[in-house]
Amino acid sequence: MSSPSAFSAYPGRHAHERTHRTRVRPGHGLLSGKRLVITAAAGAGIGSATVLKCLEEGAASVVLGDTHGGRLAEAEKQLGERFGAERVRSVVCDVTREEQITELLDAAEELGPIDVMINNAGLGGSTPILDMTDEEWSRVLDITLTGTFRCIRAVGKRMVAAETSGVIVNNASVIGWRAQAEQAHYAAAKAGVMALTRSAAIDLAAHGIRVNAVSPSLAMHPFLEKVTTPELLEQLTAREAFGRGAEPWEVANVMVFLASAYSSYMTGEVVSVSSQHA
């Protein structure tokens, strides 16, 4: 089940004692009438914040995919009560399984042609490269990079068939640009997402489909705090010019911009969402 703050406009204080308190900005109809699909969209991270922001920006429908069925059902219930059940649907989806991606997109197309797909699914982990197993390496790449590829391929075919100008937004990471200990698999996967974004954008431009990505540095949410040591969080936070990590909704704002007509001339771009020192 999702935490009470998963879709809250005011996330609580985090374990590393941030004092900054941010506010969600009101919507302006940037996605009015659009039909969206978002992966890894339940819980309390970037995905759930993006779902919330898309609905606030007037999306006609948002179909949520996630591997955690209970958390997904709770997210659908909360969002349906707030925005209307007809605007929210959820489907269990593991992006390593082609048939589940198909089921997710089929459910979305029951509401009409898909306008936007946001590929947020990813998996991290911390293992020194000398200790990293083939299984660890392959799992991170299969979910984070190959899963994004599968989703782009699947939704791209549907957008082309529907003859509508679609938008795809991927979630990369600044770790695809910079070195960080014990992150070889995740860094390779996220660098791959960046390269995939650029190449897919060229392939799909002739069909009027735009493909861009965000590259967050540090977005704070309960799951990250659960799997990351306080010492590492302190180190990562110290790299940020503002002395804090981003709130998930601050990354979601940029995803919404890339999904909207305000970025109509952008494709193949990776936009850093970061306050890191130069």
Protein backbone atom coordinates (compact mmCIF):
# COMPACT_ATOMS: atom_id res chain seq x y z
CA MET A 1 0.00 0.00 0.00
CA SER A 2 1.29 3.47 -0.81
CA SER A 3 2.30 5.77 1.99
CA PRO A 4 -0.07 8.58 3.04
CA SER A 5 2.27 11.16 1.49
CA ALA A 6 2.62 9.40 -1.86
CA PHE A 7 0.33 11.88 -3.63
CA SER A 8 0.61 14.75 -1.17
CA ALA A 9 1.49 18.26 -2.22
CA TYR A 10 3.60 18.63 0.90
CA PRO A 11 6.03 15.75 1.43
CA GLY A 12 7.24 15.44 4.99
CA ARG A 13 10.71 15.97 6.39
CA HIS A 14 13.27 13.40 5.29
CA ALA A 15 15.59 11.31 7.39
CA HIS A 16 18.61 13.49 6.67
CA GLU A 17 16.90 16.51 8.30
CA ARG A 18 16.36 18.81 5.33
CA THR A 19 14.94 22.14 6.44
CA HIS A 20 13.78 23.28 2.99
CA ARG A 21 10.04 23.01 2.40
CA THR A 22 8.75 23.33 -1.15
CA ARG A 23 5.31 23.83 -2.63
CA VAL A 24 3.63 22.29 -5.65
CA ARG A 25 2.67 24.92 -8.21
CA PRO A 26 -0.92 24.94 -9.50
CA GLY A 27 -1.70 23.44 -12.90
CA HIS A 28 -2.18 25.50 -16.06
CA GLY A 29 -3.77 22.98 -18.42
CA LEU A 30 -0.48 22.07 -20.13
CA LEU A 31 -1.76 18.53 -20.81
CA SER A 32 -5.42 19.35 -21.27
CA GLY A 33 -7.20 16.48 -23.04
CA LYS A 34 -4.07 14.33 -23.37
CA ARG A 35 -4.02 10.58 -22.71
CA LEU A 36 -0.90 9.34 -20.91
CA VAL A 37 0.78 6.12 -19.82
CA ILE A 38 3.37 6.16 -17.03
CA THR A 39 5.46 3.22 -15.82
CA ALA A 40 6.66 2.71 -12.22
CA ALA A 41 3.90 5.10 -11.28
CA ALA A 42 2.79 3.95 -7.84
CA GLY A 43 4.40 4.66 -4.48
CA ALA A 44 6.06 7.90 -3.45
CA GLY A 45 8.78 8.63 -6.00
CA ILE A 46 9.16 10.47 -9.30
CA GLY A 47 6.58 8.29 -11.05
CA SER A 48 3.77 8.98 -8.62
CA ALA A 49 4.64 12.69 -8.52
CA THR A 50 4.46 12.77 -12.31
CA VAL A 51 1.04 11.10 -12.34
CA LEU A 52 -0.23 13.70 -9.91
CA LYS A 53 1.21 16.60 -11.90
CA CYS A 54 -0.19 15.29 -15.18
CA LEU A 55 -3.68 15.10 -13.71
CA GLU A 56 -3.29 18.58 -12.22
CA GLU A 57 -2.31 19.78 -15.70
CA GLY A 58 -5.59 18.54 -17.15
CA ALA A 59 -4.74 15.12 -18.61
CA ALA A 60 -7.88 13.41 -19.87
CA SER A 61 -6.59 10.07 -18.59
CA VAL A 62 -3.49 8.58 -17.00
CA VAL A 63 -2.86 4.84 -17.03
CA LEU A 64 -0.43 3.75 -14.33
CA GLY A 65 1.86 0.75 -14.64
CA ASP A 66 3.83 -0.75 -11.76
CA THR A 67 4.99 -4.16 -10.56
CA HIS A 68 3.51 -3.77 -7.07
CA GLY A 69 -0.18 -4.66 -7.40
CA GLY A 70 -1.31 -3.57 -3.94
CA ARG A 71 0.45 -0.24 -4.06
CA LEU A 72 -0.86 0.30 -7.59
CA ALA A 73 -4.47 -0.36 -6.57
CA GLU A 74 -4.17 2.04 -3.66
CA ALA A 75 -2.73 4.73 -5.93
CA GLU A 76 -5.60 4.29 -8.40
CA LYS A 77 -8.11 4.55 -5.56
CA GLN A 78 -6.58 7.73 -4.10
CA LEU A 79 -6.23 9.44 -7.46
CA GLY A 80 -9.68 8.37 -8.61
CA GLU A 81 -11.26 9.87 -5.51
CA ARG A 82 -9.41 13.14 -6.09
CA PHE A 83 -9.60 13.53 -9.88
CA GLY A 84 -12.40 11.19 -10.96
CA ALA A 85 -12.25 7.45 -11.48
CA GLU A 86 -12.80 7.84 -15.23
CA ARG A 87 -9.45 9.63 -15.54
CA VAL A 88 -7.31 7.02 -13.77
CA ARG A 89 -6.63 3.38 -14.55
CA SER A 90 -3.89 1.00 -13.40
CA VAL A 91 -2.37 -2.19 -14.80
CA VAL A 92 0.32 -4.38 -13.24
CA CYS A 93 3.29 -4.10 -15.57
CA ASP A 94 6.81 -5.47 -15.38
CA VAL A 95 8.79 -3.84 -18.21
CA THR A 96 10.93 -6.97 -18.59
CA ARG A 97 7.83 -8.81 -19.83
CA GLU A 98 6.63 -7.87 -23.29
CA GLU A 99 3.14 -9.27 -22.73
CA GLN A 100 2.61 -7.03 -19.70
CA ILE A 101 3.68 -3.95 -21.66
CA THR A 102 1.13 -4.98 -24.28
CA GLU A 103 -1.58 -5.29 -21.61
CA LEU A 104 -0.69 -1.84 -20.25
CA LEU A 105 -0.94 -0.20 -23.67
CA ASP A 106 -4.10 -2.11 -24.58
CA ALA A 107 -5.76 -0.77 -21.43
CA ALA A 108 -4.65 2.75 -22.29
CA GLU A 109 -5.98 2.54 -25.85
CA GLU A 110 -9.41 1.59 -24.56
CA LEU A 111 -9.58 5.27 -23.56
CA GLY A 112 -8.34 6.48 -26.94
CA PRO A 113 -5.03 6.85 -28.80
CA ILE A 114 -2.02 7.33 -26.55
CA ASP A 115 -0.62 10.87 -26.69
CA VAL A 116 2.24 10.57 -24.20
CA MET A 117 4.24 7.75 -22.66
CA ILE A 118 6.55 8.42 -19.73
CA ASN A 119 9.10 5.67 -19.13
CA ASN A 120 10.01 5.92 -15.48
CA ALA A 121 10.77 2.29 -14.60
CA GLY A 122 14.31 1.63 -13.42
CA LEU A 123 16.36 -0.32 -10.90
CA GLY A 124 19.50 0.70 -9.04
CA GLY A 125 21.74 -0.89 -6.46
CA SER A 126 25.20 -0.48 -4.94
CA THR A 127 27.86 -3.11 -5.63
CA PRO A 128 31.59 -2.66 -6.29
CA ILE A 129 32.38 -3.79 -9.82
CA LEU A 130 34.78 -6.48 -8.58
CA ASP A 131 31.93 -8.05 -6.61
CA MET A 132 29.17 -7.50 -9.16
CA THR A 133 27.64 -10.66 -10.58
CA ASP A 134 26.38 -11.16 -14.11
CA GLU A 135 22.90 -11.49 -12.64
CA GLU A 136 23.07 -8.11 -10.86
CA TRP A 137 24.42 -6.43 -13.99
CA SER A 138 21.85 -8.00 -16.29
CA ARG A 139 18.86 -7.29 -14.04
CA VAL A 140 19.63 -3.56 -13.73
CA LEU A 141 20.16 -3.22 -17.47
CA ASP A 142 17.11 -5.33 -18.34
CA ILE A 143 14.76 -3.14 -16.32
CA THR A 144 16.36 0.27 -16.70
CA LEU A 145 17.63 0.23 -20.28
CA THR A 146 16.05 -2.68 -22.14
CA GLY A 147 12.71 -2.06 -20.42
CA THR A 148 12.77 1.52 -21.71
CA PHE A 149 13.60 0.22 -25.20
CA ARG A 150 10.71 -2.25 -25.08
CA CYS A 151 8.28 0.49 -24.10
CA ILE A 152 9.51 2.91 -26.77
CA ARG A 153 9.22 0.22 -29.45
CA ALA A 154 5.75 -0.87 -28.33
CA VAL A 155 4.19 2.56 -27.93
CA GLY A 156 6.02 3.91 -31.00
CA LYS A 157 4.35 1.31 -33.22
CA ARG A 158 0.94 2.28 -31.84
CA MET A 159 1.56 6.01 -32.26
CA VAL A 160 2.63 5.46 -35.88
CA ALA A 161 -0.42 3.28 -36.57
CA ALA A 162 -2.73 5.89 -35.05
CA GLU A 163 -1.10 8.60 -37.19
CA THR A 164 -1.00 10.97 -34.24
CA SER A 165 1.97 13.04 -33.12
CA GLY A 166 3.02 11.41 -29.89
CA VAL A 167 5.51 12.21 -27.18
CA ILE A 168 7.82 9.88 -25.25
CA VAL A 169 9.65 11.01 -22.11
CA ASN A 170 12.33 8.83 -20.51
CA ASN A 171 13.90 9.01 -17.07
CA ALA A 172 17.70 8.99 -17.18
CA SER A 173 20.10 10.20 -14.46
CA VAL A 174 23.13 12.44 -14.08
CA ILE A 175 24.98 9.28 -13.12
CA GLY A 176 24.99 8.53 -16.84
CA TRP A 177 27.41 11.46 -17.15
CA ARG A 178 29.46 11.27 -13.97
CA ALA A 179 31.39 8.62 -12.06
CA GLN A 180 30.09 7.22 -8.78
CA ALA A 181 31.43 4.28 -6.83
CA GLU A 182 29.54 0.99 -6.85
CA GLN A 183 27.20 2.14 -9.61
CA ALA A 184 28.71 0.61 -12.77
CA HIS A 185 25.50 -1.22 -13.77
CA TYR A 186 23.18 1.70 -13.05
CA ALA A 187 25.50 4.26 -14.69
CA ALA A 188 25.82 2.11 -17.80
CA ALA A 189 22.05 1.66 -17.96
CA LYS A 190 21.28 5.36 -17.56
CA ALA A 191 23.95 6.38 -20.07
CA GLY A 192 22.27 3.88 -22.37
CA VAL A 193 18.89 5.53 -21.81
CA MET A 194 20.41 8.85 -22.88
CA ALA A 195 21.85 7.36 -26.08
CA LEU A 196 18.63 5.44 -26.73
CA THR A 197 16.65 8.66 -26.36
CA ARG A 198 18.78 10.47 -28.94
CA SER A 199 18.70 7.63 -31.48
CA ALA A 200 15.00 6.85 -31.04
CA ALA A 201 14.22 10.54 -31.55
CA ILE A 202 15.84 10.47 -34.99
CA ASP A 203 14.07 7.25 -35.98
CA LEU A 204 10.66 8.58 -34.92
CA ALA A 205 10.94 12.21 -36.04
CA ALA A 206 9.57 11.40 -39.50
CA HIS A 207 6.38 10.21 -37.81
CA GLY A 208 6.00 13.40 -35.77
CA ILE A 209 6.90 11.62 -32.53
CA ARG A 210 9.18 13.44 -30.10
CA VAL A 211 11.48 11.59 -27.65
CA ASN A 212 13.25 13.37 -24.80
CA ALA A 213 14.55 12.53 -21.34
CA VAL A 214 15.10 14.07 -17.93
CA SER A 215 18.31 13.48 -16.03
CA PRO A 216 17.78 14.06 -12.29
CA SER A 217 20.68 14.33 -9.90
CA LEU A 218 19.15 13.62 -6.49
CA ALA A 219 15.40 13.33 -5.94
CA MET A 220 14.49 12.56 -2.34
CA HIS A 221 11.70 10.13 -1.52
CA PRO A 222 11.05 7.48 1.14
CA PHE A 223 12.22 4.51 -0.93
CA LEU A 224 15.58 6.14 -1.66
CA GLU A 225 16.05 6.85 2.03
CA LYS A 226 15.20 3.24 2.81
CA VAL A 227 17.83 1.75 0.49
CA THR A 228 20.56 4.40 0.88
CA THR A 229 22.78 4.98 3.90
CA PRO A 230 22.57 8.35 5.67
CA GLU A 231 26.28 8.82 4.97
CA LEU A 232 25.82 8.47 1.20
CA LEU A 233 22.76 10.72 1.20
CA GLU A 234 24.80 13.35 3.02
CA GLN A 235 27.57 13.08 0.43
CA LEU A 236 25.15 13.34 -2.48
CA THR A 237 23.32 16.27 -0.91
CA ALA A 238 26.60 18.12 -0.39
CA ARG A 239 27.14 18.10 -4.17
CA GLU A 240 23.97 20.11 -4.72
CA ALA A 241 24.24 23.90 -4.88
CA PHE A 242 20.96 24.29 -2.97
CA GLY A 243 22.15 21.94 -0.22
CA ARG A 244 19.20 19.61 -0.73
CA GLY A 245 17.86 17.01 -3.11
CA ALA A 246 14.94 17.75 -5.40
CA GLU A 247 11.41 16.93 -4.39
CA PRO A 248 9.97 14.31 -6.81
CA TRP A 249 7.44 16.84 -8.09
CA GLU A 250 10.27 19.17 -9.13
CA VAL A 251 11.44 16.46 -11.54
CA ALA A 252 7.83 15.82 -12.54
CA ASN A 253 7.47 19.47 -13.57
CA VAL A 254 10.20 19.03 -16.17
CA MET A 255 8.68 15.77 -17.40
CA VAL A 256 5.37 17.58 -17.88
CA PHE A 257 7.13 20.36 -19.80
CA LEU A 258 8.70 17.79 -22.13
CA ALA A 259 5.33 16.07 -22.54
CA SER A 260 3.58 19.34 -23.39
CA ALA A 261 3.41 21.52 -26.49
CA TYR A 262 5.75 23.99 -24.79
CA SER A 263 8.64 21.74 -25.86
CA SER A 264 7.34 21.25 -29.42
CA TYR A 265 10.73 21.86 -31.07
CA MET A 266 12.68 19.60 -28.70
CA THR A 267 13.54 16.01 -29.51
CA GLY A 268 16.53 13.82 -28.69
CA GLU A 269 17.34 16.06 -25.73
CA VAL A 270 18.38 15.04 -22.21
CA VAL A 271 17.45 17.76 -19.75
CA SER A 272 19.35 17.81 -16.47
CA VAL A 273 17.19 18.41 -13.39
CA SER A 274 19.96 19.29 -11.03
CA SER A 275 21.51 21.96 -8.81
CA GLN A 276 24.97 20.42 -8.93
CA HIS A 277 28.01 22.64 -8.78
CA ALA A 278 29.68 23.15 -12.16
